[in-house]
Amino acid sequence: MAQKKKLVIKVTAGADAPERCSQAFTVAAVAVASGIEVSLWLTGESAWFALPGRAAEFELPHAAPLPDLLESVLAGGTLTLCTQCAARRGIEQQDTLDGVRIAGAQVFVSEIMADGVQALVY
């Protein structure tokens, strides 16, 4: 029996690099829709999208709406906010969307080093 693959995506960009940000969320949502186990990590400026309403402020012509992509990932995957990125922005667990976990580099490394994992960084 083939081992199920997992995709771990770290997005480092937010509104500061909208195309890169959108690509990460799009790939994550497509993977979830394809039945792949997905773990999406919000780091750097993408950390803001762990907060309610922030994805709705994101605009990129000819791209799927970020709130829809975010909802897909939350519904079928894991969404993690970087511990240090959250702390630097004053974001605490109670501030985040339901379903967002806050975790650090140790958890990220353990996820990407597991067998059957493909990691992407945007």
PDB file of N, CA and C in Angstrom:
ATOM      1  N   MET A   1       0.846  -1.186   0.000  1.00  0.00           N
ATOM      2  CA  MET A   1       0.000   0.000   0.000  1.00  0.00           C
ATOM      3  C   MET A   1       0.889   1.246   0.000  1.00  0.00           C
ATOM      4  N   ALA A   2       0.595   2.167  -0.876  1.00  0.00           N
ATOM      5  CA  ALA A   2       1.397   3.392  -0.986  1.00  0.00           C
ATOM      6  C   ALA A   2       1.140   4.307   0.204  1.00  0.00           C
ATOM      7  N   GLN A   3       2.216   4.918   0.676  1.00  0.00           N
ATOM      8  CA  GLN A   3       2.078   5.851   1.787  1.00  0.00           C
ATOM      9  C   GLN A   3       1.477   7.147   1.274  1.00  0.00           C
ATOM     10  N   LYS A   4       0.569   7.709   2.049  1.00  0.00           N
ATOM     11  CA  LYS A   4      -0.055   8.968   1.665  1.00  0.00           C
ATOM     12  C   LYS A   4       0.961  10.099   1.783  1.00  0.00           C
ATOM     13  N   LYS A   5       1.033  10.926   0.758  1.00  0.00           N
ATOM     14  CA  LYS A   5       1.953  12.059   0.759  1.00  0.00           C
ATOM     15  C   LYS A   5       1.344  13.232   1.515  1.00  0.00           C
ATOM     16  N   LYS A   6       2.226  14.051   2.071  1.00  0.00           N
ATOM     17  CA  LYS A   6       1.820  15.254   2.767  1.00  0.00           C
ATOM     18  C   LYS A   6       2.560  16.430   2.149  1.00  0.00           C
ATOM     19  N   LEU A   7       1.886  17.547   2.051  1.00  0.00           N
ATOM     20  CA  LEU A   7       2.480  18.767   1.515  1.00  0.00           C
ATOM     21  C   LEU A   7       2.517  19.807   2.618  1.00  0.00           C
ATOM     22  N   VAL A   8       3.716  20.294   2.931  1.00  0.00           N
ATOM     23  CA  VAL A   8       3.895  21.358   3.915  1.00  0.00           C
ATOM     24  C   VAL A   8       4.332  22.597   3.151  1.00  0.00           C
ATOM     25  N   ILE A   9       3.558  23.659   3.298  1.00  0.00           N
ATOM     26  CA  ILE A   9       3.835  24.902   2.580  1.00  0.00           C
ATOM     27  C   ILE A   9       4.079  26.004   3.597  1.00  0.00           C
ATOM     28  N   LYS A  10       5.197  26.696   3.444  1.00  0.00           N
ATOM     29  CA  LYS A  10       5.482  27.857   4.288  1.00  0.00           C
ATOM     30  C   LYS A  10       5.348  29.089   3.391  1.00  0.00           C
ATOM     31  N   VAL A  11       4.451  29.977   3.765  1.00  0.00           N
ATOM     32  CA  VAL A  11       4.283  31.230   3.025  1.00  0.00           C
ATOM     33  C   VAL A  11       4.899  32.349   3.856  1.00  0.00           C
ATOM     34  N   THR A  12       5.864  33.036   3.258  1.00  0.00           N
ATOM     35  CA  THR A  12       6.606  34.087   3.946  1.00  0.00           C
ATOM     36  C   THR A  12       6.143  35.477   3.532  1.00  0.00           C
ATOM     37  N   ALA A  13       5.266  35.529   2.546  1.00  0.00           N
ATOM     38  CA  ALA A  13       4.840  36.810   1.975  1.00  0.00           C
ATOM     39  C   ALA A  13       3.370  37.066   2.259  1.00  0.00           C
ATOM     40  N   GLY A  14       3.044  38.345   2.367  1.00  0.00           N
ATOM     41  CA  GLY A  14       1.649  38.758   2.526  1.00  0.00           C
ATOM     42  C   GLY A  14       1.338  39.807   1.483  1.00  0.00           C
ATOM     43  N   ALA A  15       0.732  40.891   1.908  1.00  0.00           N
ATOM     44  CA  ALA A  15       0.396  41.984   0.989  1.00  0.00           C
ATOM     45  C   ALA A  15       1.651  42.636   0.399  1.00  0.00           C
ATOM     46  N   ASP A  16       2.806  42.402   1.031  1.00  0.00           N
ATOM     47  CA  ASP A  16       4.070  42.955   0.532  1.00  0.00           C
ATOM     48  C   ASP A  16       4.532  42.286  -0.766  1.00  0.00           C
ATOM     49  N   ALA A  17       4.100  41.057  -1.017  1.00  0.00           N
ATOM     50  CA  ALA A  17       4.427  40.314  -2.245  1.00  0.00           C
ATOM     51  C   ALA A  17       3.200  39.489  -2.616  1.00  0.00           C
ATOM     52  N   PRO A  18       2.155  40.161  -3.122  1.00  0.00           N
ATOM     53  CA  PRO A  18       0.855  39.498  -3.286  1.00  0.00           C
ATOM     54  C   PRO A  18       0.853  38.285  -4.209  1.00  0.00           C
ATOM     55  N   GLU A  19       1.640  38.302  -5.276  1.00  0.00           N
ATOM     56  CA  GLU A  19       1.618  37.146  -6.172  1.00  0.00           C
ATOM     57  C   GLU A  19       2.188  35.901  -5.503  1.00  0.00           C
ATOM     58  N   ARG A  20       3.293  36.069  -4.799  1.00  0.00           N
ATOM     59  CA  ARG A  20       3.892  34.934  -4.095  1.00  0.00           C
ATOM     60  C   ARG A  20       2.934  34.418  -3.023  1.00  0.00           C
ATOM     61  N   CYS A  21       2.311  35.319  -2.302  1.00  0.00           N
ATOM     62  CA  CYS A  21       1.344  34.956  -1.272  1.00  0.00           C
ATOM     63  C   CYS A  21       0.178  34.175  -1.871  1.00  0.00           C
ATOM     64  N   SER A  22      -0.386  34.701  -2.928  1.00  0.00           N
ATOM     65  CA  SER A  22      -1.527  34.062  -3.573  1.00  0.00           C
ATOM     66  C   SER A  22      -1.167  32.679  -4.110  1.00  0.00           C
ATOM     67  N   GLN A  23       0.035  32.543  -4.660  1.00  0.00           N
ATOM     68  CA  GLN A  23       0.469  31.240  -5.178  1.00  0.00           C
ATOM     69  C   GLN A  23       0.491  30.191  -4.073  1.00  0.00           C
ATOM     70  N   ALA A  24       1.013  30.563  -2.919  1.00  0.00           N
ATOM     71  CA  ALA A  24       1.090  29.617  -1.806  1.00  0.00           C
ATOM     72  C   ALA A  24      -0.301  29.161  -1.373  1.00  0.00           C
ATOM     73  N   PHE A  25      -1.211  30.110  -1.186  1.00  0.00           N
ATOM     74  CA  PHE A  25      -2.572  29.767  -0.772  1.00  0.00           C
ATOM     75  C   PHE A  25      -3.295  28.963  -1.854  1.00  0.00           C
ATOM     76  N   THR A  26      -3.063  29.301  -3.117  1.00  0.00           N
ATOM     77  CA  THR A  26      -3.703  28.583  -4.224  1.00  0.00           C
ATOM     78  C   THR A  26      -3.227  27.138  -4.274  1.00  0.00           C
ATOM     79  N   VAL A  27      -1.927  26.924  -4.193  1.00  0.00           N
ATOM     80  CA  VAL A  27      -1.381  25.567  -4.213  1.00  0.00           C
ATOM     81  C   VAL A  27      -1.908  24.776  -3.016  1.00  0.00           C
ATOM     82  N   ALA A  28      -1.952  25.385  -1.848  1.00  0.00           N
ATOM     83  CA  ALA A  28      -2.462  24.700  -0.659  1.00  0.00           C
ATOM     84  C   ALA A  28      -3.922  24.296  -0.846  1.00  0.00           C
ATOM     85  N   ALA A  29      -4.751  25.220  -1.346  1.00  0.00           N
ATOM     86  CA  ALA A  29      -6.176  24.929  -1.520  1.00  0.00           C
ATOM     87  C   ALA A  29      -6.407  23.864  -2.591  1.00  0.00           C
ATOM     88  N   VAL A  30      -5.652  23.911  -3.669  1.00  0.00           N
ATOM     89  CA  VAL A  30      -5.774  22.892  -4.727  1.00  0.00           C
ATOM     90  C   VAL A  30      -5.351  21.526  -4.192  1.00  0.00           C
ATOM     91  N   ALA A  31      -4.295  21.498  -3.398  1.00  0.00           N
ATOM     92  CA  ALA A  31      -3.844  20.229  -2.818  1.00  0.00           C
ATOM     93  C   ALA A  31      -4.905  19.656  -1.876  1.00  0.00           C
ATOM     94  N   VAL A  32      -5.494  20.506  -1.039  1.00  0.00           N
ATOM     95  CA  VAL A  32      -6.567  20.046  -0.151  1.00  0.00           C
ATOM     96  C   VAL A  32      -7.718  19.472  -0.984  1.00  0.00           C
ATOM     97  N   ALA A  33      -8.105  20.194  -2.032  1.00  0.00           N
ATOM     98  CA  ALA A  33      -9.204  19.739  -2.890  1.00  0.00           C
ATOM     99  C   ALA A  33      -8.865  18.433  -3.607  1.00  0.00           C
ATOM    100  N   SER A  34      -7.578  18.171  -3.777  1.00  0.00           N
ATOM    101  CA  SER A  34      -7.123  16.946  -4.443  1.00  0.00           C
ATOM    102  C   SER A  34      -6.973  15.778  -3.477  1.00  0.00           C
ATOM    103  N   GLY A  35      -7.281  16.007  -2.204  1.00  0.00           N
ATOM    104  CA  GLY A  35      -7.209  14.939  -1.216  1.00  0.00           C
ATOM    105  C   GLY A  35      -5.845  14.753  -0.587  1.00  0.00           C
ATOM    106  N   ILE A  36      -4.954  15.698  -0.790  1.00  0.00           N
ATOM    107  CA  ILE A  36      -3.609  15.626  -0.206  1.00  0.00           C
ATOM    108  C   ILE A  36      -3.652  16.237   1.197  1.00  0.00           C
ATOM    109  N   GLU A  37      -2.930  15.634   2.118  1.00  0.00           N
ATOM    110  CA  GLU A  37      -2.807  16.196   3.456  1.00  0.00           C
ATOM    111  C   GLU A  37      -1.948  17.454   3.360  1.00  0.00           C
ATOM    112  N   VAL A  38      -2.467  18.570   3.842  1.00  0.00           N
ATOM    113  CA  VAL A  38      -1.787  19.861   3.699  1.00  0.00           C
ATOM    114  C   VAL A  38      -1.590  20.521   5.058  1.00  0.00           C
ATOM    115  N   SER A  39      -0.391  21.066   5.235  1.00  0.00           N
ATOM    116  CA  SER A  39      -0.071  21.894   6.388  1.00  0.00           C
ATOM    117  C   SER A  39       0.466  23.214   5.842  1.00  0.00           C
ATOM    118  N   LEU A  40      -0.260  24.300   6.071  1.00  0.00           N
ATOM    119  CA  LEU A  40       0.132  25.618   5.588  1.00  0.00           C
ATOM    120  C   LEU A  40       0.622  26.443   6.769  1.00  0.00           C
ATOM    121  N   TRP A  41       1.837  26.958   6.656  1.00  0.00           N
ATOM    122  CA  TRP A  41       2.469  27.763   7.705  1.00  0.00           C
ATOM    123  C   TRP A  41       2.467  29.217   7.306  1.00  0.00           C
ATOM    124  N   LEU A  42       1.948  30.069   8.181  1.00  0.00           N
ATOM    125  CA  LEU A  42       1.938  31.509   7.965  1.00  0.00           C
ATOM    126  C   LEU A  42       3.122  32.114   8.713  1.00  0.00           C
ATOM    127  N   THR A  43       4.043  32.708   7.947  1.00  0.00           N
ATOM    128  CA  THR A  43       5.223  33.330   8.537  1.00  0.00           C
ATOM    129  C   THR A  43       5.392  34.716   7.932  1.00  0.00           C
ATOM    130  N   GLY A  44       6.218  35.525   8.556  1.00  0.00           N
ATOM    131  CA  GLY A  44       6.448  36.870   8.038  1.00  0.00           C
ATOM    132  C   GLY A  44       5.137  37.631   7.918  1.00  0.00           C
ATOM    133  N   GLU A  45       4.996  38.369   6.823  1.00  0.00           N
ATOM    134  CA  GLU A  45       3.811  39.210   6.637  1.00  0.00           C
ATOM    135  C   GLU A  45       2.521  38.420   6.426  1.00  0.00           C
ATOM    136  N   SER A  46       2.622  37.142   6.067  1.00  0.00           N
ATOM    137  CA  SER A  46       1.399  36.339   5.933  1.00  0.00           C
ATOM    138  C   SER A  46       0.772  36.043   7.290  1.00  0.00           C
ATOM    139  N   ALA A  47       1.519  36.292   8.371  1.00  0.00           N
ATOM    140  CA  ALA A  47       0.995  36.052   9.721  1.00  0.00           C
ATOM    141  C   ALA A  47      -0.323  36.787   9.956  1.00  0.00           C
ATOM    142  N   TRP A  48      -0.471  37.943   9.341  1.00  0.00           N
ATOM    143  CA  TRP A  48      -1.691  38.743   9.527  1.00  0.00           C
ATOM    144  C   TRP A  48      -2.950  38.007   9.076  1.00  0.00           C
ATOM    145  N   PHE A  49      -2.813  37.048   8.155  1.00  0.00           N
ATOM    146  CA  PHE A  49      -3.989  36.343   7.644  1.00  0.00           C
ATOM    147  C   PHE A  49      -4.538  35.317   8.637  1.00  0.00           C
ATOM    148  N   ALA A  50      -3.882  35.152   9.769  1.00  0.00           N
ATOM    149  CA  ALA A  50      -4.427  34.309  10.843  1.00  0.00           C
ATOM    150  C   ALA A  50      -5.509  35.047  11.626  1.00  0.00           C
ATOM    151  N   LEU A  51      -5.641  36.350  11.386  1.00  0.00           N
ATOM    152  CA  LEU A  51      -6.625  37.167  12.095  1.00  0.00           C
ATOM    153  C   LEU A  51      -7.929  37.269  11.309  1.00  0.00           C
ATOM    154  N   PRO A  52      -9.069  37.279  11.995  1.00  0.00           N
ATOM    155  CA  PRO A  52     -10.357  37.418  11.312  1.00  0.00           C
ATOM    156  C   PRO A  52     -10.405  38.694  10.463  1.00  0.00           C
ATOM    157  N   GLY A  53     -10.903  38.556   9.248  1.00  0.00           N
ATOM    158  CA  GLY A  53     -11.117  39.697   8.355  1.00  0.00           C
ATOM    159  C   GLY A  53      -9.914  40.155   7.563  1.00  0.00           C
ATOM    160  N   ARG A  54      -8.729  39.734   7.942  1.00  0.00           N
ATOM    161  CA  ARG A  54      -7.530  40.237   7.254  1.00  0.00           C
ATOM    162  C   ARG A  54      -7.403  39.709   5.827  1.00  0.00           C
ATOM    163  N   ALA A  55      -7.801  38.461   5.585  1.00  0.00           N
ATOM    164  CA  ALA A  55      -7.722  37.913   4.229  1.00  0.00           C
ATOM    165  C   ALA A  55      -8.632  38.682   3.272  1.00  0.00           C
ATOM    166  N   ALA A  56      -9.744  39.195   3.767  1.00  0.00           N
ATOM    167  CA  ALA A  56     -10.686  39.942   2.927  1.00  0.00           C
ATOM    168  C   ALA A  56     -10.091  41.256   2.437  1.00  0.00           C
ATOM    169  N   GLU A  57      -9.070  41.754   3.118  1.00  0.00           N
ATOM    170  CA  GLU A  57      -8.413  43.001   2.709  1.00  0.00           C
ATOM    171  C   GLU A  57      -7.408  42.787   1.583  1.00  0.00           C
ATOM    172  N   PHE A  58      -7.059  41.528   1.317  1.00  0.00           N
ATOM    173  CA  PHE A  58      -6.059  41.186   0.308  1.00  0.00           C
ATOM    174  C   PHE A  58      -6.686  41.227  -1.085  1.00  0.00           C
ATOM    175  N   GLU A  59      -6.028  41.906  -1.997  1.00  0.00           N
ATOM    176  CA  GLU A  59      -6.528  41.979  -3.375  1.00  0.00           C
ATOM    177  C   GLU A  59      -5.422  41.669  -4.353  1.00  0.00           C
ATOM    178  N   LEU A  60      -5.746  40.831  -5.338  1.00  0.00           N
ATOM    179  CA  LEU A  60      -4.837  40.533  -6.433  1.00  0.00           C
ATOM    180  C   LEU A  60      -5.678  40.204  -7.657  1.00  0.00           C
ATOM    181  N   PRO A  61      -5.582  41.031  -8.713  1.00  0.00           N
ATOM    182  CA  PRO A  61      -6.379  40.778  -9.913  1.00  0.00           C
ATOM    183  C   PRO A  61      -6.122  39.380 -10.480  1.00  0.00           C
ATOM    184  N   HIS A  62      -7.175  38.769 -10.974  1.00  0.00           N
ATOM    185  CA  HIS A  62      -7.130  37.461 -11.643  1.00  0.00           C
ATOM    186  C   HIS A  62      -6.704  36.329 -10.715  1.00  0.00           C
ATOM    187  N   ALA A  63      -6.872  36.516  -9.416  1.00  0.00           N
ATOM    188  CA  ALA A  63      -6.547  35.472  -8.450  1.00  0.00           C
ATOM    189  C   ALA A  63      -7.805  35.099  -7.676  1.00  0.00           C
ATOM    190  N   ALA A  64      -7.850  33.872  -7.217  1.00  0.00           N
ATOM    191  CA  ALA A  64      -8.974  33.443  -6.381  1.00  0.00           C
ATOM    192  C   ALA A  64      -8.966  34.281  -5.101  1.00  0.00           C
ATOM    193  N   PRO A  65     -10.153  34.619  -4.587  1.00  0.00           N
ATOM    194  CA  PRO A  65     -10.214  35.421  -3.356  1.00  0.00           C
ATOM    195  C   PRO A  65      -9.520  34.705  -2.197  1.00  0.00           C
ATOM    196  N   LEU A  66      -8.656  35.416  -1.515  1.00  0.00           N
ATOM    197  CA  LEU A  66      -7.892  34.825  -0.415  1.00  0.00           C
ATOM    198  C   LEU A  66      -8.788  34.248   0.686  1.00  0.00           C
ATOM    199  N   PRO A  67      -9.900  34.894   1.048  1.00  0.00           N
ATOM    200  CA  PRO A  67     -10.756  34.278   2.075  1.00  0.00           C
ATOM    201  C   PRO A  67     -11.255  32.887   1.677  1.00  0.00           C
ATOM    202  N   ASP A  68     -11.553  32.690   0.400  1.00  0.00           N
ATOM    203  CA  ASP A  68     -12.020  31.374  -0.069  1.00  0.00           C
ATOM    204  C   ASP A  68     -10.913  30.334   0.047  1.00  0.00           C
ATOM    205  N   LEU A  69      -9.699  30.723  -0.351  1.00  0.00           N
ATOM    206  CA  LEU A  69      -8.568  29.806  -0.275  1.00  0.00           C
ATOM    207  C   LEU A  69      -8.264  29.451   1.179  1.00  0.00           C
ATOM    208  N   LEU A  70      -8.289  30.457   2.034  1.00  0.00           N
ATOM    209  CA  LEU A  70      -8.033  30.262   3.456  1.00  0.00           C
ATOM    210  C   LEU A  70      -9.073  29.327   4.069  1.00  0.00           C
ATOM    211  N   GLU A  71     -10.327  29.531   3.715  1.00  0.00           N
ATOM    212  CA  GLU A  71     -11.416  28.687   4.219  1.00  0.00           C
ATOM    213  C   GLU A  71     -11.220  27.231   3.795  1.00  0.00           C
ATOM    214  N   SER A  72     -10.785  27.029   2.550  1.00  0.00           N
ATOM    215  CA  SER A  72     -10.532  25.667   2.058  1.00  0.00           C
ATOM    216  C   SER A  72      -9.441  24.977   2.867  1.00  0.00           C
ATOM    217  N   VAL A  73      -8.366  25.708   3.130  1.00  0.00           N
ATOM    218  CA  VAL A  73      -7.261  25.132   3.896  1.00  0.00           C
ATOM    219  C   VAL A  73      -7.705  24.828   5.325  1.00  0.00           C
ATOM    220  N   LEU A  74      -8.427  25.745   5.939  1.00  0.00           N
ATOM    221  CA  LEU A  74      -8.916  25.507   7.306  1.00  0.00           C
ATOM    222  C   LEU A  74      -9.868  24.314   7.361  1.00  0.00           C
ATOM    223  N   ALA A  75     -10.664  24.127   6.321  1.00  0.00           N
ATOM    224  CA  ALA A  75     -11.654  23.050   6.302  1.00  0.00           C
ATOM    225  C   ALA A  75     -11.012  21.680   6.121  1.00  0.00           C
ATOM    226  N   GLY A  76      -9.907  21.619   5.357  1.00  0.00           N
ATOM    227  CA  GLY A  76      -9.367  20.305   5.036  1.00  0.00           C
ATOM    228  C   GLY A  76      -7.905  20.102   5.352  1.00  0.00           C
ATOM    229  N   GLY A  77      -7.260  21.088   5.930  1.00  0.00           N
ATOM    230  CA  GLY A  77      -5.836  20.968   6.225  1.00  0.00           C
ATOM    231  C   GLY A  77      -5.517  21.547   7.587  1.00  0.00           C
ATOM    232  N   THR A  78      -4.244  21.813   7.793  1.00  0.00           N
ATOM    233  CA  THR A  78      -3.774  22.411   9.038  1.00  0.00           C
ATOM    234  C   THR A  78      -3.221  23.790   8.725  1.00  0.00           C
ATOM    235  N   LEU A  79      -3.589  24.782   9.515  1.00  0.00           N
ATOM    236  CA  LEU A  79      -3.090  26.146   9.333  1.00  0.00           C
ATOM    237  C   LEU A  79      -2.344  26.536  10.608  1.00  0.00           C
ATOM    238  N   THR A  80      -1.074  26.861  10.440  1.00  0.00           N
ATOM    239  CA  THR A  80      -0.211  27.166  11.582  1.00  0.00           C
ATOM    240  C   THR A  80       0.374  28.554  11.447  1.00  0.00           C
ATOM    241  N   LEU A  81       0.334  29.296  12.528  1.00  0.00           N
ATOM    242  CA  LEU A  81       0.953  30.613  12.623  1.00  0.00           C
ATOM    243  C   LEU A  81       2.265  30.452  13.374  1.00  0.00           C
ATOM    244  N   CYS A  82       3.334  30.970  12.789  1.00  0.00           N
ATOM    245  CA  CYS A  82       4.665  30.918  13.400  1.00  0.00           C
ATOM    246  C   CYS A  82       4.661  31.636  14.745  1.00  0.00           C
ATOM    247  N   THR A  83       5.208  30.972  15.760  1.00  0.00           N
ATOM    248  CA  THR A  83       5.254  31.525  17.112  1.00  0.00           C
ATOM    249  C   THR A  83       5.952  32.881  17.159  1.00  0.00           C
ATOM    250  N   GLN A  84       7.155  32.967  16.623  1.00  0.00           N
ATOM    251  CA  GLN A  84       7.911  34.218  16.660  1.00  0.00           C
ATOM    252  C   GLN A  84       7.239  35.304  15.829  1.00  0.00           C
ATOM    253  N   CYS A  85       6.699  34.932  14.672  1.00  0.00           N
ATOM    254  CA  CYS A  85       6.024  35.910  13.808  1.00  0.00           C
ATOM    255  C   CYS A  85       4.805  36.496  14.510  1.00  0.00           C
ATOM    256  N   ALA A  86       4.076  35.635  15.222  1.00  0.00           N
ATOM    257  CA  ALA A  86       2.915  36.098  15.985  1.00  0.00           C
ATOM    258  C   ALA A  86       3.357  37.044  17.096  1.00  0.00           C
ATOM    259  N   ALA A  87       4.383  36.656  17.832  1.00  0.00           N
ATOM    260  CA  ALA A  87       4.858  37.470  18.954  1.00  0.00           C
ATOM    261  C   ALA A  87       5.329  38.846  18.480  1.00  0.00           C
ATOM    262  N   ARG A  88       6.037  38.877  17.348  1.00  0.00           N
ATOM    263  CA  ARG A  88       6.526  40.164  16.830  1.00  0.00           C
ATOM    264  C   ARG A  88       5.389  41.100  16.435  1.00  0.00           C
ATOM    265  N   ARG A  89       4.234  40.526  16.128  1.00  0.00           N
ATOM    266  CA  ARG A  89       3.089  41.322  15.694  1.00  0.00           C
ATOM    267  C   ARG A  89       2.045  41.482  16.801  1.00  0.00           C
ATOM    268  N   GLY A  90       2.339  40.987  17.975  1.00  0.00           N
ATOM    269  CA  GLY A  90       1.401  41.102  19.093  1.00  0.00           C
ATOM    270  C   GLY A  90       0.161  40.253  18.932  1.00  0.00           C
ATOM    271  N   ILE A  91       0.255  39.174  18.142  1.00  0.00           N
ATOM    272  CA  ILE A  91      -0.887  38.284  17.910  1.00  0.00           C
ATOM    273  C   ILE A  91      -0.843  37.150  18.928  1.00  0.00           C
ATOM    274  N   GLU A  92      -1.957  36.944  19.607  1.00  0.00           N
ATOM    275  CA  GLU A  92      -2.066  35.846  20.569  1.00  0.00           C
ATOM    276  C   GLU A  92      -3.113  34.850  20.091  1.00  0.00           C
ATOM    277  N   GLN A  93      -3.082  33.648  20.655  1.00  0.00           N
ATOM    278  CA  GLN A  93      -3.978  32.578  20.208  1.00  0.00           C
ATOM    279  C   GLN A  93      -5.440  33.023  20.167  1.00  0.00           C
ATOM    280  N   GLN A  94      -5.892  33.741  21.192  1.00  0.00           N
ATOM    281  CA  GLN A  94      -7.309  34.147  21.241  1.00  0.00           C
ATOM    282  C   GLN A  94      -7.659  35.147  20.138  1.00  0.00           C
ATOM    283  N   ASP A  95      -6.657  35.743  19.489  1.00  0.00           N
ATOM    284  CA  ASP A  95      -6.905  36.708  18.408  1.00  0.00           C
ATOM    285  C   ASP A  95      -7.158  36.030  17.069  1.00  0.00           C
ATOM    286  N   THR A  96      -6.743  34.766  16.926  1.00  0.00           N
ATOM    287  CA  THR A  96      -6.725  34.117  15.621  1.00  0.00           C
ATOM    288  C   THR A  96      -8.078  33.518  15.229  1.00  0.00           C
ATOM    289  N   LEU A  97      -8.176  33.205  13.956  1.00  0.00           N
ATOM    290  CA  LEU A  97      -9.329  32.483  13.431  1.00  0.00           C
ATOM    291  C   LEU A  97      -9.438  31.124  14.120  1.00  0.00           C
ATOM    292  N   ASP A  98     -10.652  30.607  14.220  1.00  0.00           N
ATOM    293  CA  ASP A  98     -10.840  29.261  14.748  1.00  0.00           C
ATOM    294  C   ASP A  98     -10.089  28.279  13.854  1.00  0.00           C
ATOM    295  N   GLY A  99      -9.378  27.354  14.472  1.00  0.00           N
ATOM    296  CA  GLY A  99      -8.668  26.337  13.714  1.00  0.00           C
ATOM    297  C   GLY A  99      -7.197  26.644  13.475  1.00  0.00           C
ATOM    298  N   VAL A 100      -6.755  27.857  13.777  1.00  0.00           N
ATOM    299  CA  VAL A 100      -5.347  28.212  13.607  1.00  0.00           C
ATOM    300  C   VAL A 100      -4.586  27.788  14.856  1.00  0.00           C
ATOM    301  N   ARG A 101      -3.470  27.115  14.649  1.00  0.00           N
ATOM    302  CA  ARG A 101      -2.599  26.793  15.784  1.00  0.00           C
ATOM    303  C   ARG A 101      -1.357  27.677  15.685  1.00  0.00           C
ATOM    304  N   ILE A 102      -0.747  27.931  16.816  1.00  0.00           N
ATOM    305  CA  ILE A 102       0.516  28.665  16.847  1.00  0.00           C
ATOM    306  C   ILE A 102       1.594  27.673  17.248  1.00  0.00           C
ATOM    307  N   ALA A 103       2.638  27.581  16.424  1.00  0.00           N
ATOM    308  CA  ALA A 103       3.726  26.640  16.696  1.00  0.00           C
ATOM    309  C   ALA A 103       5.019  27.197  16.115  1.00  0.00           C
ATOM    310  N   GLY A 104       6.130  26.628  16.578  1.00  0.00           N
ATOM    311  CA  GLY A 104       7.428  27.149  16.182  1.00  0.00           C
ATOM    312  C   GLY A 104       8.233  26.228  15.290  1.00  0.00           C
ATOM    313  N   ALA A 105       9.490  26.590  15.148  1.00  0.00           N
ATOM    314  CA  ALA A 105      10.400  25.920  14.224  1.00  0.00           C
ATOM    315  C   ALA A 105      10.547  24.425  14.507  1.00  0.00           C
ATOM    316  N   GLN A 106      10.523  24.032  15.769  1.00  0.00           N
ATOM    317  CA  GLN A 106      10.672  22.610  16.095  1.00  0.00           C
ATOM    318  C   GLN A 106       9.550  21.789  15.462  1.00  0.00           C
ATOM    319  N   VAL A 107       8.326  22.304  15.515  1.00  0.00           N
ATOM    320  CA  VAL A 107       7.185  21.600  14.923  1.00  0.00           C
ATOM    321  C   VAL A 107       7.314  21.600  13.402  1.00  0.00           C
ATOM    322  N   PHE A 108       7.726  22.735  12.827  1.00  0.00           N
ATOM    323  CA  PHE A 108       7.905  22.813  11.378  1.00  0.00           C
ATOM    324  C   PHE A 108       8.936  21.786  10.911  1.00  0.00           C
ATOM    325  N   VAL A 109      10.074  21.741  11.582  1.00  0.00           N
ATOM    326  CA  VAL A 109      11.135  20.802  11.193  1.00  0.00           C
ATOM    327  C   VAL A 109      10.652  19.361  11.317  1.00  0.00           C
ATOM    328  N   SER A 110       9.932  19.040  12.377  1.00  0.00           N
ATOM    329  CA  SER A 110       9.440  17.669  12.530  1.00  0.00           C
ATOM    330  C   SER A 110       8.446  17.316  11.423  1.00  0.00           C
ATOM    331  N   GLU A 111       7.638  18.279  10.995  1.00  0.00           N
ATOM    332  CA  GLU A 111       6.698  18.021   9.894  1.00  0.00           C
ATOM    333  C   GLU A 111       7.427  17.777   8.583  1.00  0.00           C
ATOM    334  N   ILE A 112       8.393  18.606   8.265  1.00  0.00           N
ATOM    335  CA  ILE A 112       9.027  18.491   6.942  1.00  0.00           C
ATOM    336  C   ILE A 112      10.010  17.327   6.849  1.00  0.00           C
ATOM    337  N   MET A 113      10.479  16.822   7.985  1.00  0.00           N
ATOM    338  CA  MET A 113      11.439  15.720   7.951  1.00  0.00           C
ATOM    339  C   MET A 113      10.781  14.341   7.972  1.00  0.00           C
ATOM    340  N   ALA A 114       9.485  14.289   8.119  1.00  0.00           N
ATOM    341  CA  ALA A 114       8.786  13.003   8.133  1.00  0.00           C
ATOM    342  C   ALA A 114       8.809  12.369   6.733  1.00  0.00           C
ATOM    343  N   ASP A 115       8.714  11.057   6.703  1.00  0.00           N
ATOM    344  CA  ASP A 115       8.682  10.334   5.432  1.00  0.00           C
ATOM    345  C   ASP A 115       7.435  10.743   4.644  1.00  0.00           C
ATOM    346  N   GLY A 116       7.582  10.832   3.333  1.00  0.00           N
ATOM    347  CA  GLY A 116       6.446  11.123   2.464  1.00  0.00           C
ATOM    348  C   GLY A 116       6.017  12.567   2.433  1.00  0.00           C
ATOM    349  N   VAL A 117       6.878  13.484   2.889  1.00  0.00           N
ATOM    350  CA  VAL A 117       6.519  14.899   2.940  1.00  0.00           C
ATOM    351  C   VAL A 117       7.250  15.668   1.849  1.00  0.00           C
ATOM    352  N   GLN A 118       6.528  16.538   1.191  1.00  0.00           N
ATOM    353  CA  GLN A 118       7.096  17.498   0.244  1.00  0.00           C
ATOM    354  C   GLN A 118       6.911  18.882   0.853  1.00  0.00           C
ATOM    355  N   ALA A 119       7.990  19.638   0.955  1.00  0.00           N
ATOM    356  CA  ALA A 119       7.915  20.982   1.530  1.00  0.00           C
ATOM    357  C   ALA A 119       8.154  22.027   0.444  1.00  0.00           C
ATOM    358  N   LEU A 120       7.358  23.075   0.482  1.00  0.00           N
ATOM    359  CA  LEU A 120       7.497  24.213  -0.434  1.00  0.00           C
ATOM    360  C   LEU A 120       7.549  25.491   0.388  1.00  0.00           C
ATOM    361  N   VAL A 121       8.356  26.440  -0.058  1.00  0.00           N
ATOM    362  CA  VAL A 121       8.409  27.732   0.597  1.00  0.00           C
ATOM    363  C   VAL A 121       8.142  28.811  -0.444  1.00  0.00           C
ATOM    364  N   TYR A 122       7.190  29.676  -0.113  1.00  0.00           N
ATOM    365  CA  TYR A 122       6.859  30.804  -0.990  1.00  0.00           C
ATOM    366  C   TYR A 122       7.219  32.083  -0.275  1.00  0.00           C
TER     367      TYR A 122
END
